[in-house]
Amino acid sequence: SIVPVEPLSNSLSAYHLQIVRLPEPIHRRKNIEKMHADDIQVHVHYF
């Protein structure tokens, strides 16, 4: 249910970020905290 954000077909990407869309956005903060507790550094870009 997690969807990677892919570059547009008519563009090139440097693949410097891997952004995913979560199925339950209301729980994003909780998911970030759990990943950090597992020592996996996830972030939010594109404010």
All heavy atoms as atom14 arrays in JSON, in Angstrom:
{
  "sequence": "SIVPVEPLSNSLSAYHLQIVRLPEPIHRRKNIEKMHADDIQVHVHYF",
  "atom14_mask": [
    [1, 1, 1, 1, 1, 1, 0, 0, 0, 0, 0, 0, 0, 0],
    [1, 1, 1, 1, 1, 1, 1, 1, 0, 0, 0, 0, 0, 0],
    [1, 1, 1, 1, 1, 1, 1, 0, 0, 0, 0, 0, 0, 0],
    [1, 1, 1, 1, 1, 1, 1, 0, 0, 0, 0, 0, 0, 0],
    [1, 1, 1, 1, 1, 1, 1, 0, 0, 0, 0, 0, 0, 0],
    [1, 1, 1, 1, 1, 1, 1, 1, 1, 0, 0, 0, 0, 0],
    [1, 1, 1, 1, 1, 1, 1, 0, 0, 0, 0, 0, 0, 0],
    [1, 1, 1, 1, 1, 1, 1, 1, 0, 0, 0, 0, 0, 0],
    [1, 1, 1, 1, 1, 1, 0, 0, 0, 0, 0, 0, 0, 0],
    [1, 1, 1, 1, 1, 1, 1, 1, 0, 0, 0, 0, 0, 0],
    [1, 1, 1, 1, 1, 1, 0, 0, 0, 0, 0, 0, 0, 0],
    [1, 1, 1, 1, 1, 1, 1, 1, 0, 0, 0, 0, 0, 0],
    [1, 1, 1, 1, 1, 1, 0, 0, 0, 0, 0, 0, 0, 0],
    [1, 1, 1, 1, 1, 0, 0, 0, 0, 0, 0, 0, 0, 0],
    [1, 1, 1, 1, 1, 1, 1, 1, 1, 1, 1, 1, 0, 0],
    [1, 1, 1, 1, 1, 1, 1, 1, 1, 1, 0, 0, 0, 0],
    [1, 1, 1, 1, 1, 1, 1, 1, 0, 0, 0, 0, 0, 0],
    [1, 1, 1, 1, 1, 1, 1, 1, 1, 0, 0, 0, 0, 0],
    [1, 1, 1, 1, 1, 1, 1, 1, 0, 0, 0, 0, 0, 0],
    [1, 1, 1, 1, 1, 1, 1, 0, 0, 0, 0, 0, 0, 0],
    [1, 1, 1, 1, 1, 1, 1, 1, 1, 1, 1, 0, 0, 0],
    [1, 1, 1, 1, 1, 1, 1, 1, 0, 0, 0, 0, 0, 0],
    [1, 1, 1, 1, 1, 1, 1, 0, 0, 0, 0, 0, 0, 0],
    [1, 1, 1, 1, 1, 1, 1, 1, 1, 0, 0, 0, 0, 0],
    [1, 1, 1, 1, 1, 1, 1, 0, 0, 0, 0, 0, 0, 0],
    [1, 1, 1, 1, 1, 1, 1, 1, 0, 0, 0, 0, 0, 0],
    [1, 1, 1, 1, 1, 1, 1, 1, 1, 1, 0, 0, 0, 0],
    [1, 1, 1, 1, 1, 1, 1, 1, 1, 1, 1, 0, 0, 0],
    [1, 1, 1, 1, 1, 1, 1, 1, 1, 1, 1, 0, 0, 0],
    [1, 1, 1, 1, 1, 1, 1, 1, 1, 0, 0, 0, 0, 0],
    [1, 1, 1, 1, 1, 1, 1, 1, 0, 0, 0, 0, 0, 0],
    [1, 1, 1, 1, 1, 1, 1, 1, 0, 0, 0, 0, 0, 0],
    [1, 1, 1, 1, 1, 1, 1, 1, 1, 0, 0, 0, 0, 0],
    [1, 1, 1, 1, 1, 1, 1, 1, 1, 0, 0, 0, 0, 0],
    [1, 1, 1, 1, 1, 1, 1, 1, 0, 0, 0, 0, 0, 0],
    [1, 1, 1, 1, 1, 1, 1, 1, 1, 1, 0, 0, 0, 0],
    [1, 1, 1, 1, 1, 0, 0, 0, 0, 0, 0, 0, 0, 0],
    [1, 1, 1, 1, 1, 1, 1, 1, 0, 0, 0, 0, 0, 0],
    [1, 1, 1, 1, 1, 1, 1, 1, 0, 0, 0, 0, 0, 0],
    [1, 1, 1, 1, 1, 1, 1, 1, 0, 0, 0, 0, 0, 0],
    [1, 1, 1, 1, 1, 1, 1, 1, 1, 0, 0, 0, 0, 0],
    [1, 1, 1, 1, 1, 1, 1, 0, 0, 0, 0, 0, 0, 0],
    [1, 1, 1, 1, 1, 1, 1, 1, 1, 1, 0, 0, 0, 0],
    [1, 1, 1, 1, 1, 1, 1, 0, 0, 0, 0, 0, 0, 0],
    [1, 1, 1, 1, 1, 1, 1, 1, 1, 1, 0, 0, 0, 0],
    [1, 1, 1, 1, 1, 1, 1, 1, 1, 1, 1, 1, 0, 0],
    [1, 1, 1, 1, 1, 1, 1, 1, 1, 1, 1, 0, 0, 0]
  ],
  "atom14_positions": [
    [[0.82, -1.22, 0.0], [0.0, 0.0, 0.0], [0.85, 1.27, 0.0], [0.31, 2.37, -0.05], [-0.93, 0.0, 1.21], [-0.16, -0.03, 2.4], [0.0, 0.0, 0.0], [0.0, 0.0, 0.0], [0.0, 0.0, 0.0], [0.0, 0.0, 0.0], [0.0, 0.0, 0.0], [0.0, 0.0, 0.0], [0.0, 0.0, 0.0], [0.0, 0.0, 0.0]],
    [[2.16, 1.11, 0.06], [3.08, 2.24, 0.02], [3.53, 2.44, -1.41], [4.02, 1.51, -2.05], [4.29, 1.99, 0.95], [3.78, 1.79, 2.38], [5.28, 3.15, 0.86], [4.82, 1.24, 3.31], [0.0, 0.0, 0.0], [0.0, 0.0, 0.0], [0.0, 0.0, 0.0], [0.0, 0.0, 0.0], [0.0, 0.0, 0.0], [0.0, 0.0, 0.0]],
    [[3.37, 3.66, -1.92], [3.62, 3.92, -3.34], [4.85, 4.81, -3.5], [4.85, 5.96, -3.05], [2.39, 4.61, -3.98], [2.65, 4.9, -5.45], [1.15, 3.76, -3.79], [0.0, 0.0, 0.0], [0.0, 0.0, 0.0], [0.0, 0.0, 0.0], [0.0, 0.0, 0.0], [0.0, 0.0, 0.0], [0.0, 0.0, 0.0], [0.0, 0.0, 0.0]],
    [[5.91, 4.3, -4.13], [7.08, 5.15, -4.41], [6.7, 6.25, -5.4], [5.95, 6.02, -6.34], [8.08, 4.18, -5.05], [7.61, 2.81, -4.68], [6.13, 2.91, -4.55], [0.0, 0.0, 0.0], [0.0, 0.0, 0.0], [0.0, 0.0, 0.0], [0.0, 0.0, 0.0], [0.0, 0.0, 0.0], [0.0, 0.0, 0.0], [0.0, 0.0, 0.0]],
    [[7.21, 7.43, -5.15], [7.01, 8.55, -6.08], [8.08, 8.41, -7.15], [9.27, 8.45, -6.86], [7.11, 9.91, -5.36], [7.01, 11.05, -6.35], [6.02, 10.01, -4.29], [0.0, 0.0, 0.0], [0.0, 0.0, 0.0], [0.0, 0.0, 0.0], [0.0, 0.0, 0.0], [0.0, 0.0, 0.0], [0.0, 0.0, 0.0], [0.0, 0.0, 0.0]],
    [[7.65, 8.21, -8.36], [8.56, 7.98, -9.48], [8.73, 9.26, -10.31], [7.81, 10.06, -10.4], [8.02, 6.87, -10.39], [7.84, 5.53, -9.69], [9.14, 4.85, -9.33], [10.2, 5.27, -9.82], [9.1, 3.88, -8.54], [0.0, 0.0, 0.0], [0.0, 0.0, 0.0], [0.0, 0.0, 0.0], [0.0, 0.0, 0.0], [0.0, 0.0, 0.0]],
    [[9.88, 9.42, -10.96], [10.06, 10.58, -11.84], [9.08, 10.51, -13.01], [8.66, 9.41, -13.41], [11.5, 10.46, -12.34], [12.11, 9.31, -11.65], [11.05, 8.57, -10.9], [0.0, 0.0, 0.0], [0.0, 0.0, 0.0], [0.0, 0.0, 0.0], [0.0, 0.0, 0.0], [0.0, 0.0, 0.0], [0.0, 0.0, 0.0], [0.0, 0.0, 0.0]],
    [[8.73, 11.65, -13.53], [7.87, 11.69, -14.7], [8.57, 11.02, -15.88], [9.8, 11.05, -15.97], [7.52, 13.13, -15.06], [6.73, 13.89, -13.99], [6.59, 15.35, -14.4], [5.37, 13.26, -13.76], [0.0, 0.0, 0.0], [0.0, 0.0, 0.0], [0.0, 0.0, 0.0], [0.0, 0.0, 0.0], [0.0, 0.0, 0.0], [0.0, 0.0, 0.0]],
    [[7.81, 10.44, -16.78], [8.4, 9.7, -17.9], [9.21, 10.59, -18.83], [10.1, 10.11, -19.52], [7.3, 8.98, -18.69], [6.39, 9.93, -19.23], [0.0, 0.0, 0.0], [0.0, 0.0, 0.0], [0.0, 0.0, 0.0], [0.0, 0.0, 0.0], [0.0, 0.0, 0.0], [0.0, 0.0, 0.0], [0.0, 0.0, 0.0], [0.0, 0.0, 0.0]],
    [[8.93, 11.87, -18.85], [9.65, 12.78, -19.74], [10.74, 13.56, -19.0], [11.13, 14.64, -19.42], [8.69, 13.75, -20.42], [7.98, 14.65, -19.43], [8.0, 14.4, -18.22], [7.34, 15.69, -19.92], [0.0, 0.0, 0.0], [0.0, 0.0, 0.0], [0.0, 0.0, 0.0], [0.0, 0.0, 0.0], [0.0, 0.0, 0.0], [0.0, 0.0, 0.0]],
    [[11.22, 13.01, -17.88], [12.24, 13.71, -17.1], [13.35, 12.75, -16.69], [13.22, 11.53, -16.82], [11.61, 14.33, -15.86], [11.16, 13.32, -14.99], [0.0, 0.0, 0.0], [0.0, 0.0, 0.0], [0.0, 0.0, 0.0], [0.0, 0.0, 0.0], [0.0, 0.0, 0.0], [0.0, 0.0, 0.0], [0.0, 0.0, 0.0], [0.0, 0.0, 0.0]],
    [[14.42, 13.31, -16.2], [15.53, 12.54, -15.66], [15.62, 12.84, -14.17], [15.32, 13.95, -13.74], [16.84, 12.92, -16.34], [16.93, 12.62, -17.84], [18.21, 13.18, -18.41], [16.84, 11.12, -18.08], [0.0, 0.0, 0.0], [0.0, 0.0, 0.0], [0.0, 0.0, 0.0], [0.0, 0.0, 0.0], [0.0, 0.0, 0.0], [0.0, 0.0, 0.0]],
    [[16.04, 11.87, -13.4], [16.17, 12.06, -11.97], [17.59, 11.75, -11.53], [18.23, 10.84, -12.05], [15.2, 11.14, -11.23], [15.39, 11.24, -9.83], [0.0, 0.0, 0.0], [0.0, 0.0, 0.0], [0.0, 0.0, 0.0], [0.0, 0.0, 0.0], [0.0, 0.0, 0.0], [0.0, 0.0, 0.0], [0.0, 0.0, 0.0], [0.0, 0.0, 0.0]],
    [[18.06, 12.49, -10.55], [19.35, 12.2, -9.94], [19.21, 11.11, -8.88], [20.2, 10.62, -8.36], [19.93, 13.46, -9.3], [0.0, 0.0, 0.0], [0.0, 0.0, 0.0], [0.0, 0.0, 0.0], [0.0, 0.0, 0.0], [0.0, 0.0, 0.0], [0.0, 0.0, 0.0], [0.0, 0.0, 0.0], [0.0, 0.0, 0.0], [0.0, 0.0, 0.0]],
    [[17.97, 10.72, -8.58], [17.68, 9.71, -7.57], [18.42, 10.01, -6.26], [19.02, 9.14, -5.65], [18.0, 8.3, -8.08], [17.06, 7.86, -9.18], [17.45, 7.93, -10.51], [15.79, 7.42, -8.88], [16.58, 7.55, -11.53], [14.92, 7.04, -9.89], [15.32, 7.11, -11.21], [14.45, 6.74, -12.21], [0.0, 0.0, 0.0], [0.0, 0.0, 0.0]],
    [[18.34, 11.25, -5.83], [18.98, 11.63, -4.57], [18.01, 11.51, -3.4], [18.43, 11.57, -2.25], [19.56, 13.04, -4.66], [18.52, 14.12, -4.71], [17.67, 14.27, -5.8], [18.19, 15.07, -3.82], [16.87, 15.28, -5.57], [17.16, 15.78, -4.38], [0.0, 0.0, 0.0], [0.0, 0.0, 0.0], [0.0, 0.0, 0.0], [0.0, 0.0, 0.0]],
    [[16.72, 11.35, -3.69], [15.71, 11.13, -2.66], [14.81, 9.98, -3.09], [14.52, 9.83, -4.27], [14.83, 12.38, -2.48], [15.49, 13.67, -2.02], [14.47, 14.8, -2.04], [16.07, 13.51, -0.62], [0.0, 0.0, 0.0], [0.0, 0.0, 0.0], [0.0, 0.0, 0.0], [0.0, 0.0, 0.0], [0.0, 0.0, 0.0], [0.0, 0.0, 0.0]],
    [[14.37, 9.2, -2.11], [13.34, 8.21, -2.4], [12.13, 8.56, -1.57], [12.11, 8.34, -0.36], [13.8, 6.78, -2.08], [12.71, 5.75, -2.31], [12.2, 5.73, -3.75], [12.92, 5.37, -4.66], [10.95, 6.12, -3.96], [0.0, 0.0, 0.0], [0.0, 0.0, 0.0], [0.0, 0.0, 0.0], [0.0, 0.0, 0.0], [0.0, 0.0, 0.0]],
    [[11.16, 9.15, -2.22], [9.95, 9.58, -1.53], [8.87, 8.56, -1.78], [8.71, 8.05, -2.89], [9.52, 10.97, -2.03], [10.64, 11.97, -1.74], [8.21, 11.4, -1.4], [10.45, 13.31, -2.37], [0.0, 0.0, 0.0], [0.0, 0.0, 0.0], [0.0, 0.0, 0.0], [0.0, 0.0, 0.0], [0.0, 0.0, 0.0], [0.0, 0.0, 0.0]],
    [[8.12, 8.25, -0.72], [6.99, 7.33, -0.84], [5.74, 8.02, -0.31], [5.81, 8.92, 0.53], [7.23, 6.01, -0.07], [8.38, 5.22, -0.68], [7.48, 6.27, 1.41], [0.0, 0.0, 0.0], [0.0, 0.0, 0.0], [0.0, 0.0, 0.0], [0.0, 0.0, 0.0], [0.0, 0.0, 0.0], [0.0, 0.0, 0.0], [0.0, 0.0, 0.0]],
    [[4.61, 7.58, -0.85], [3.31, 8.04, -0.37], [2.75, 6.96, 0.55], [2.64, 5.81, 0.16], [2.36, 8.3, -1.52], [2.78, 9.49, -2.35], [1.83, 9.72, -3.48], [0.83, 10.69, -3.04], [0.25, 11.56, -3.86], [0.51, 11.55, -5.14], [-0.63, 12.4, -3.39], [0.0, 0.0, 0.0], [0.0, 0.0, 0.0], [0.0, 0.0, 0.0]],
    [[2.42, 7.36, 1.76], [1.88, 6.43, 2.74], [0.38, 6.3, 2.58], [-0.3, 7.28, 2.25], [2.22, 6.9, 4.16], [3.7, 7.03, 4.47], [3.9, 7.62, 5.85], [4.4, 5.69, 4.35], [0.0, 0.0, 0.0], [0.0, 0.0, 0.0], [0.0, 0.0, 0.0], [0.0, 0.0, 0.0], [0.0, 0.0, 0.0], [0.0, 0.0, 0.0]],
    [[-0.18, 5.13, 2.87], [-1.62, 4.93, 2.7], [-2.45, 5.63, 3.76], [-3.6, 5.94, 3.54], [-1.79, 3.41, 2.79], [-0.63, 2.97, 3.63], [0.49, 3.91, 3.28], [0.0, 0.0, 0.0], [0.0, 0.0, 0.0], [0.0, 0.0, 0.0], [0.0, 0.0, 0.0], [0.0, 0.0, 0.0], [0.0, 0.0, 0.0], [0.0, 0.0, 0.0]],
    [[-1.87, 5.89, 4.91], [-2.61, 6.53, 6.0], [-1.86, 7.77, 6.46], [-1.14, 7.74, 7.45], [-2.77, 5.56, 7.17], [-3.49, 4.28, 6.78], [-3.6, 3.33, 7.95], [-3.77, 3.78, 9.09], [-3.51, 2.12, 7.7], [0.0, 0.0, 0.0], [0.0, 0.0, 0.0], [0.0, 0.0, 0.0], [0.0, 0.0, 0.0], [0.0, 0.0, 0.0]],
    [[-2.01, 8.87, 5.74], [-1.21, 10.06, 6.05], [-1.38, 10.56, 7.48], [-0.48, 11.15, 8.03], [-1.68, 11.09, 5.03], [-2.93, 10.56, 4.46], [-2.93, 9.08, 4.65], [0.0, 0.0, 0.0], [0.0, 0.0, 0.0], [0.0, 0.0, 0.0], [0.0, 0.0, 0.0], [0.0, 0.0, 0.0], [0.0, 0.0, 0.0], [0.0, 0.0, 0.0]],
    [[-2.53, 10.29, 8.08], [-2.75, 10.78, 9.44], [-1.77, 10.14, 10.43], [-1.5, 10.68, 11.49], [-4.22, 10.56, 9.86], [-4.55, 11.41, 11.08], [-4.5, 9.08, 10.13], [-6.0, 11.55, 11.36], [0.0, 0.0, 0.0], [0.0, 0.0, 0.0], [0.0, 0.0, 0.0], [0.0, 0.0, 0.0], [0.0, 0.0, 0.0], [0.0, 0.0, 0.0]],
    [[-1.19, 8.99, 10.08], [-0.26, 8.3, 10.98], [1.21, 8.53, 10.61], [2.07, 7.85, 11.13], [-0.56, 6.8, 10.97], [-1.93, 6.47, 11.45], [-2.36, 6.74, 12.71], [-2.97, 5.9, 10.81], [-3.61, 6.36, 12.85], [-4.01, 5.84, 11.7], [0.0, 0.0, 0.0], [0.0, 0.0, 0.0], [0.0, 0.0, 0.0], [0.0, 0.0, 0.0]],
    [[1.47, 9.48, 9.74], [2.86, 9.67, 9.29], [3.8, 9.93, 10.46], [4.86, 9.33, 10.55], [2.95, 10.81, 8.27], [4.39, 10.99, 7.79], [4.53, 12.08, 6.8], [4.27, 13.37, 7.43], [4.25, 14.51, 6.75], [4.46, 14.51, 5.45], [4.01, 15.64, 7.36], [0.0, 0.0, 0.0], [0.0, 0.0, 0.0], [0.0, 0.0, 0.0]],
    [[3.44, 10.84, 11.36], [4.32, 11.18, 12.48], [4.64, 9.93, 13.29], [5.77, 9.68, 13.67], [3.67, 12.27, 13.34], [4.38, 12.63, 14.62], [5.83, 13.08, 14.56], [6.24, 13.88, 13.46], [7.49, 13.96, 13.01], [8.46, 13.27, 13.6], [7.82, 14.71, 12.0], [0.0, 0.0, 0.0], [0.0, 0.0, 0.0], [0.0, 0.0, 0.0]],
    [[3.62, 9.11, 13.56], [3.83, 7.87, 14.32], [4.78, 6.94, 13.58], [5.68, 6.35, 14.19], [2.48, 7.19, 14.56], [2.57, 5.87, 15.31], [1.2, 5.28, 15.58], [0.62, 4.73, 14.3], [-0.61, 3.95, 14.49], [0.0, 0.0, 0.0], [0.0, 0.0, 0.0], [0.0, 0.0, 0.0], [0.0, 0.0, 0.0], [0.0, 0.0, 0.0]],
    [[4.62, 6.83, 12.28], [5.5, 5.96, 11.49], [6.93, 6.48, 11.5], [7.88, 5.7, 11.59], [4.98, 5.82, 10.06], [3.74, 4.97, 9.99], [3.69, 3.9, 10.58], [2.73, 5.42, 9.29], [0.0, 0.0, 0.0], [0.0, 0.0, 0.0], [0.0, 0.0, 0.0], [0.0, 0.0, 0.0], [0.0, 0.0, 0.0], [0.0, 0.0, 0.0]],
    [[7.1, 7.78, 11.39], [8.45, 8.36, 11.43], [9.09, 8.07, 12.79], [10.25, 7.67, 12.86], [8.39, 9.87, 11.13], [8.07, 10.09, 9.65], [9.69, 10.56, 11.53], [7.82, 11.54, 9.28], [0.0, 0.0, 0.0], [0.0, 0.0, 0.0], [0.0, 0.0, 0.0], [0.0, 0.0, 0.0], [0.0, 0.0, 0.0], [0.0, 0.0, 0.0]],
    [[8.34, 8.25, 13.86], [8.89, 7.99, 15.19], [9.3, 6.53, 15.35], [10.34, 6.23, 15.93], [7.88, 8.41, 16.25], [7.71, 9.92, 16.34], [6.54, 10.35, 17.2], [5.83, 9.48, 17.76], [6.33, 11.58, 17.31], [0.0, 0.0, 0.0], [0.0, 0.0, 0.0], [0.0, 0.0, 0.0], [0.0, 0.0, 0.0], [0.0, 0.0, 0.0]],
    [[8.48, 5.62, 14.83], [8.82, 4.19, 14.93], [10.07, 3.87, 14.11], [10.92, 3.1, 14.55], [7.65, 3.34, 14.46], [6.49, 3.31, 15.43], [5.36, 2.47, 14.87], [4.2, 2.37, 15.82], [3.11, 1.52, 15.26], [0.0, 0.0, 0.0], [0.0, 0.0, 0.0], [0.0, 0.0, 0.0], [0.0, 0.0, 0.0], [0.0, 0.0, 0.0]],
    [[10.18, 4.44, 12.93], [11.37, 4.2, 12.1], [12.61, 4.76, 12.79], [13.66, 4.11, 12.8], [11.19, 4.81, 10.71], [10.09, 4.18, 9.88], [10.39, 2.47, 9.4], [11.5, 2.73, 8.02], [0.0, 0.0, 0.0], [0.0, 0.0, 0.0], [0.0, 0.0, 0.0], [0.0, 0.0, 0.0], [0.0, 0.0, 0.0], [0.0, 0.0, 0.0]],
    [[12.5, 5.94, 13.39], [13.64, 6.52, 14.11], [14.02, 5.63, 15.29], [15.21, 5.46, 15.59], [13.33, 7.92, 14.57], [13.35, 8.93, 13.47], [13.07, 10.26, 13.67], [13.6, 8.81, 12.13], [13.16, 10.91, 12.51], [13.47, 10.04, 11.57], [0.0, 0.0, 0.0], [0.0, 0.0, 0.0], [0.0, 0.0, 0.0], [0.0, 0.0, 0.0]],
    [[13.02, 5.06, 15.97], [13.3, 4.15, 17.09], [14.06, 2.92, 16.61], [14.82, 2.33, 17.37], [11.99, 3.75, 17.78], [0.0, 0.0, 0.0], [0.0, 0.0, 0.0], [0.0, 0.0, 0.0], [0.0, 0.0, 0.0], [0.0, 0.0, 0.0], [0.0, 0.0, 0.0], [0.0, 0.0, 0.0], [0.0, 0.0, 0.0], [0.0, 0.0, 0.0]],
    [[13.85, 2.54, 15.35], [14.59, 1.42, 14.74], [15.92, 1.87, 14.17], [16.59, 1.11, 13.48], [13.77, 0.77, 13.62], [12.59, -0.02, 14.12], [12.6, -0.43, 15.3], [11.64, -0.23, 13.34], [0.0, 0.0, 0.0], [0.0, 0.0, 0.0], [0.0, 0.0, 0.0], [0.0, 0.0, 0.0], [0.0, 0.0, 0.0], [0.0, 0.0, 0.0]],
    [[16.3, 3.13, 14.43], [17.54, 3.73, 13.91], [17.56, 3.81, 12.39], [18.59, 3.65, 11.76], [18.76, 2.97, 14.43], [20.03, 3.84, 14.37], [19.9, 5.08, 14.44], [21.12, 3.27, 14.23], [0.0, 0.0, 0.0], [0.0, 0.0, 0.0], [0.0, 0.0, 0.0], [0.0, 0.0, 0.0], [0.0, 0.0, 0.0], [0.0, 0.0, 0.0]],
    [[16.38, 4.05, 11.82], [16.25, 4.25, 10.38], [15.83, 5.7, 10.18], [14.75, 6.1, 10.62], [15.22, 3.29, 9.75], [15.67, 1.84, 9.96], [15.03, 3.62, 8.27], [14.64, 0.81, 9.57], [0.0, 0.0, 0.0], [0.0, 0.0, 0.0], [0.0, 0.0, 0.0], [0.0, 0.0, 0.0], [0.0, 0.0, 0.0], [0.0, 0.0, 0.0]],
    [[16.7, 6.47, 9.57], [16.47, 7.9, 9.43], [15.6, 8.22, 8.22], [16.06, 8.22, 7.09], [17.8, 8.65, 9.35], [18.62, 8.52, 10.61], [17.85, 8.97, 11.85], [17.34, 10.09, 11.89], [17.73, 8.11, 12.83], [0.0, 0.0, 0.0], [0.0, 0.0, 0.0], [0.0, 0.0, 0.0], [0.0, 0.0, 0.0], [0.0, 0.0, 0.0]],
    [[14.33, 8.44, 8.48], [13.39, 8.89, 7.46], [13.09, 10.35, 7.75], [13.28, 10.82, 8.88], [12.11, 8.03, 7.46], [12.41, 6.59, 7.06], [11.42, 8.07, 8.8], [0.0, 0.0, 0.0], [0.0, 0.0, 0.0], [0.0, 0.0, 0.0], [0.0, 0.0, 0.0], [0.0, 0.0, 0.0], [0.0, 0.0, 0.0], [0.0, 0.0, 0.0]],
    [[12.63, 11.05, 6.74], [12.38, 12.48, 6.87], [11.16, 12.85, 6.04], [10.57, 12.0, 5.38], [13.59, 13.29, 6.38], [14.85, 12.95, 7.1], [15.16, 13.43, 8.35], [15.89, 12.14, 6.75], [16.33, 12.95, 8.73], [16.79, 12.15, 7.78], [0.0, 0.0, 0.0], [0.0, 0.0, 0.0], [0.0, 0.0, 0.0], [0.0, 0.0, 0.0]],
    [[10.86, 14.14, 6.05], [9.83, 14.68, 5.17], [10.45, 15.83, 4.4], [11.07, 16.72, 4.99], [8.61, 15.18, 5.96], [7.58, 15.79, 5.03], [7.99, 14.04, 6.77], [0.0, 0.0, 0.0], [0.0, 0.0, 0.0], [0.0, 0.0, 0.0], [0.0, 0.0, 0.0], [0.0, 0.0, 0.0], [0.0, 0.0, 0.0], [0.0, 0.0, 0.0]],
    [[10.34, 15.77, 3.09], [10.84, 16.84, 2.23], [9.64, 17.5, 1.55], [8.52, 17.01, 1.63], [11.79, 16.28, 1.17], [13.11, 15.86, 1.73], [13.3, 14.65, 2.34], [14.29, 16.5, 1.78], [14.55, 14.56, 2.74], [15.18, 15.66, 2.41], [0.0, 0.0, 0.0], [0.0, 0.0, 0.0], [0.0, 0.0, 0.0], [0.0, 0.0, 0.0]],
    [[9.92, 18.54, 0.86], [8.92, 19.22, 0.03], [7.76, 19.8, 0.84], [6.61, 19.58, 0.53], [8.41, 18.3, -1.09], [9.52, 17.86, -2.01], [9.79, 16.51, -2.2], [10.31, 18.78, -2.66], [10.82, 16.1, -3.03], [11.35, 18.38, -3.49], [11.59, 17.05, -3.67], [12.6, 16.66, -4.48], [0.0, 0.0, 0.0], [0.0, 0.0, 0.0]],
    [[8.11, 20.53, 1.87], [7.11, 21.3, 2.6], [6.5, 22.32, 1.64], [7.24, 22.98, 0.91], [7.78, 22.01, 3.79], [6.83, 22.72, 4.69], [6.12, 22.02, 5.65], [6.64, 24.09, 4.58], [5.25, 22.69, 6.5], [5.77, 24.75, 5.42], [5.07, 24.04, 6.38], [0.0, 0.0, 0.0], [0.0, 0.0, 0.0], [0.0, 0.0, 0.0]]
  ]
}
